[in-house]
Protein backbone atom coordinates (compact mmCIF):
# COMPACT_ATOMS: atom_id res chain seq x y z
CA GLY A 1 135.83 19.81 122.36
CA TRP A 2 133.46 19.22 125.87
CA GLU A 3 133.48 14.98 124.64
CA GLN A 4 137.34 13.59 125.17
CA ARG A 5 136.43 11.60 121.93
CA TYR A 6 137.76 14.55 119.88
CA ASP A 7 140.59 14.86 121.75
CA TRP A 8 143.62 14.63 119.29
CA GLN A 9 144.23 10.66 118.45
CA GLY A 10 148.47 11.08 118.07
CA MET A 11 150.87 13.30 116.05
CA ILE A 12 150.95 14.43 112.56
CA PRO A 13 154.75 12.93 111.14
CA PHE A 14 156.81 17.21 110.51
CA GLY A 15 157.29 16.04 107.05
CA ASP A 16 153.09 15.02 106.50
CA TRP A 17 151.79 18.64 107.50
CA ALA A 18 149.57 19.78 105.08
CA SER A 19 151.17 23.20 102.96
CA ILE A 20 151.69 25.52 100.51
CA GLU A 21 154.62 27.14 99.35
CA ASP A 22 154.64 29.96 96.83
CA PRO A 23 151.07 29.46 95.09
CA PRO A 24 150.88 30.65 91.72
CA SER A 25 148.08 33.04 92.92
CA GLY A 26 151.02 34.86 94.97
CA ARG A 27 148.35 34.81 97.93
CA ILE A 28 146.85 32.50 101.02
CA VAL A 29 143.61 33.23 101.75
CA THR A 30 142.03 30.72 105.17
CA ALA A 31 138.36 31.50 106.27
CA ASN A 32 137.83 28.33 108.42
CA ASN A 33 137.18 26.42 105.11
CA LYS A 34 138.80 22.83 104.17
CA THR A 35 143.17 24.06 104.26
CA VAL A 36 144.10 19.41 103.32
CA PRO A 37 144.11 18.58 99.45
CA GLU A 38 141.91 15.78 99.38
CA GLY A 39 143.12 12.48 99.79
CA TYR A 40 145.23 14.06 102.68
CA ALA A 41 145.94 11.04 104.74
CA PHE A 42 145.15 12.42 108.26
CA GLU A 43 141.62 13.89 109.33
CA LEU A 44 142.17 17.40 111.38
CA THR A 45 137.93 17.59 111.33
CA LYS A 46 135.22 17.23 109.39
CA GLU A 47 133.47 20.58 110.79
CA TRP A 48 135.11 22.38 107.56
CA ASP A 49 133.52 26.03 107.32
CA ASN A 50 132.53 26.34 103.95
CA SER A 51 134.77 28.16 101.23
CA TYR A 52 131.68 30.87 100.70
CA ARG A 53 133.88 33.49 102.93
CA HIS A 54 137.31 32.03 101.65
CA ASP A 55 136.74 32.57 97.78
CA ARG A 56 135.11 35.62 98.24
CA ILE A 57 138.31 37.20 100.32
CA ASP A 58 140.22 35.83 97.23
CA ALA A 59 138.45 37.41 94.69
CA LEU A 60 138.80 40.40 96.70
CA LEU A 61 142.67 40.12 96.61
CA ALA A 62 142.96 39.50 93.20
CA ALA A 63 140.85 42.86 91.98
CA GLN A 64 143.33 44.79 94.37
CA PRO A 65 146.28 45.86 92.49
CA LYS A 66 148.92 46.51 95.27
CA GLU A 67 147.82 45.73 98.80
CA SER A 68 147.34 48.85 101.65
CA VAL A 69 145.11 48.67 105.10
CA GLU A 70 143.15 50.55 103.30
CA GLY A 71 142.11 47.60 101.25
CA PHE A 72 142.04 44.79 104.00
CA ALA A 73 139.83 47.02 105.98
CA ALA A 74 137.58 47.12 103.24
CA ILE A 75 137.74 43.21 102.84
CA GLN A 76 137.04 42.93 106.67
CA ARG A 77 133.92 44.85 106.22
CA ASP A 78 132.58 43.78 102.81
CA PRO A 79 129.18 42.69 103.91
CA VAL A 80 128.06 39.77 100.68
CA ASP A 81 126.98 36.65 100.94
CA LEU A 82 127.85 34.72 97.84
CA TYR A 83 125.81 31.90 98.91
CA PHE A 84 122.75 34.59 98.15
CA LEU A 85 124.31 34.86 94.61
CA GLU A 86 124.24 30.68 93.96
CA LEU A 87 121.04 30.30 95.70
CA LYS A 88 119.34 33.33 93.42
CA PRO A 89 118.68 31.95 90.35
CA LEU A 90 116.93 29.24 91.81
CA LEU A 91 114.69 30.79 94.33
CA LEU A 92 113.30 32.80 91.46
CA ALA A 93 112.77 30.59 88.93
CA ALA A 94 110.44 29.06 92.10
CA ALA A 95 108.09 32.00 90.75
CA PRO A 96 105.24 32.85 90.31
CA PHE A 97 105.16 33.97 93.68
CA GLU A 98 101.75 35.64 95.64
CA GLY A 99 100.41 38.42 97.58
CA ALA A 100 103.81 39.67 99.85
CA GLY A 101 106.24 37.59 98.30
CA THR A 102 105.73 38.92 95.27
CA LYS A 103 107.07 41.81 96.79
CA ALA A 104 110.17 39.33 98.61
CA ALA A 105 110.39 38.13 95.60
CA ASP A 106 111.23 41.52 93.54
CA LEU A 107 113.29 42.73 96.79
CA LEU A 108 115.74 39.36 95.81
CA LYS A 109 115.95 39.94 92.39
CA ASN A 110 117.78 43.35 92.52
CA TRP A 111 119.43 42.55 95.17
CA ASP A 112 123.83 42.28 95.11
CA GLY A 113 124.07 39.92 97.94
CA ALA A 114 124.96 42.52 100.64
CA MET A 115 124.70 41.44 104.46
CA TRP A 116 123.32 44.91 105.64
CA ALA A 117 121.57 45.62 108.81
CA ALA A 118 118.97 48.14 107.86
CA LYS A 119 118.52 46.51 104.63
CA PRO A 120 115.17 43.86 104.40
CA GLU A 121 117.00 41.58 102.05
CA PRO A 122 118.68 39.31 104.44
CA LEU A 123 115.87 39.01 106.43
CA ILE A 124 114.21 37.80 103.58
CA PHE A 125 116.40 35.78 102.83
CA SER A 126 117.51 34.38 106.00
CA ALA A 127 113.65 33.33 106.66
CA TRP A 128 113.18 32.10 102.92
CA VAL A 129 116.57 29.80 103.67
CA ARG A 130 114.83 28.88 107.05
CA ALA A 131 111.52 27.97 105.44
CA LEU A 132 113.18 26.40 102.65
CA SER A 133 115.14 24.07 105.10
CA LYS A 134 111.98 22.84 106.85
CA ARG A 135 110.29 21.54 103.37
CA VAL A 136 113.50 20.39 102.33
CA TYR A 137 114.30 18.10 105.38
CA ALA A 138 111.91 18.39 108.31
CA ASP A 139 110.15 15.43 107.00
CA GLU A 140 113.30 12.56 107.25
CA LEU A 141 114.53 13.90 110.41
CA GLY A 142 110.97 13.86 112.06
CA ASP A 143 110.95 14.56 115.33
CA ALA A 144 114.70 15.37 115.27
CA PHE A 145 114.46 17.98 113.18
CA PRO A 146 114.54 20.87 115.59
CA ARG A 147 117.54 20.00 116.99
CA MET A 148 119.15 19.42 113.51
CA TRP A 149 117.60 22.32 112.21
CA GLY A 150 120.28 24.94 111.13
CA TYR A 151 122.18 26.77 108.13
CA ARG A 152 123.44 24.18 105.88
CA PRO A 153 124.19 25.17 103.27
CA GLU A 154 126.24 22.53 100.37
CA PHE A 155 123.07 20.44 101.38
CA ILE A 156 120.40 22.51 100.87
CA LEU A 157 122.62 23.41 96.96
CA LEU A 158 123.00 19.55 96.75
CA VAL A 159 119.44 19.24 96.81
CA LEU A 160 117.83 22.06 94.93
CA LYS A 161 120.46 21.27 92.11
CA ASP A 162 119.63 17.27 92.74
CA THR A 163 123.95 17.02 92.28
CA ALA A 164 124.65 12.68 92.26
CA GLY A 165 120.89 12.44 93.33
CA GLU A 166 120.86 14.41 97.01
CA ALA A 167 116.98 15.52 95.71
CA ARG A 168 116.59 11.59 95.99
CA ARG A 169 118.10 11.10 98.94
CA SER A 170 116.26 13.41 100.63
CA GLU A 171 113.01 12.00 100.09
CA GLU A 172 113.62 8.34 100.59
CA HIS A 173 111.16 7.81 102.85
CA THR A 174 108.30 9.99 100.77
CA SER A 175 107.88 9.45 97.40
CA GLU A 176 107.98 12.97 95.79
CA LEU A 177 111.35 13.57 94.70
CA GLN A 178 112.60 17.18 95.98
CA SER A 179 113.90 19.35 93.60
CA ARG A 180 113.26 23.72 93.00
CA GLU A 181 110.14 22.70 90.92
CA THR A 182 108.65 19.82 93.39
CA ILE A 183 109.15 22.13 96.90
CA SER A 184 106.66 24.89 97.91
CA TYR A 185 108.90 28.60 98.88
CA ALA A 186 105.96 29.62 100.08
């Protein structure tokens, strides 16, 4: 880290290292996702990446009858965004859309989540998530929002699905409950 407070604080005893041996699936997959079990006694980080890439790699590996160089290369090139596929029904449930929003929603409705550079769908999705994030938590953060405005897939899903009352918590400073029904997607 760039500050001393992020430096390692001691060592984890050898016998307490997180590990996995001979998993039932026959494969070990990591993609910057959380790699320690719940309740692990030592804090390695609070900044694990979400599990979407891990889950996609795991599914692609499971679908391969036999590993090969070509198969691994295809996994490396795989462009599918599982976050979009999870958000897709929530977006479409926000219909009806007006004007250009109708055409954009139609494109996303038929999109498989492949983030190809030459396609308009990835840009539409990215712009929609960015605008949605602003609508969900800009009012709570006020002047701090521009510094905090970022890619927060887990938080957005918690709010839209109202998991554990997150919709209510995201609106502590207003009387309106954030949900897919109350957030304007425009």
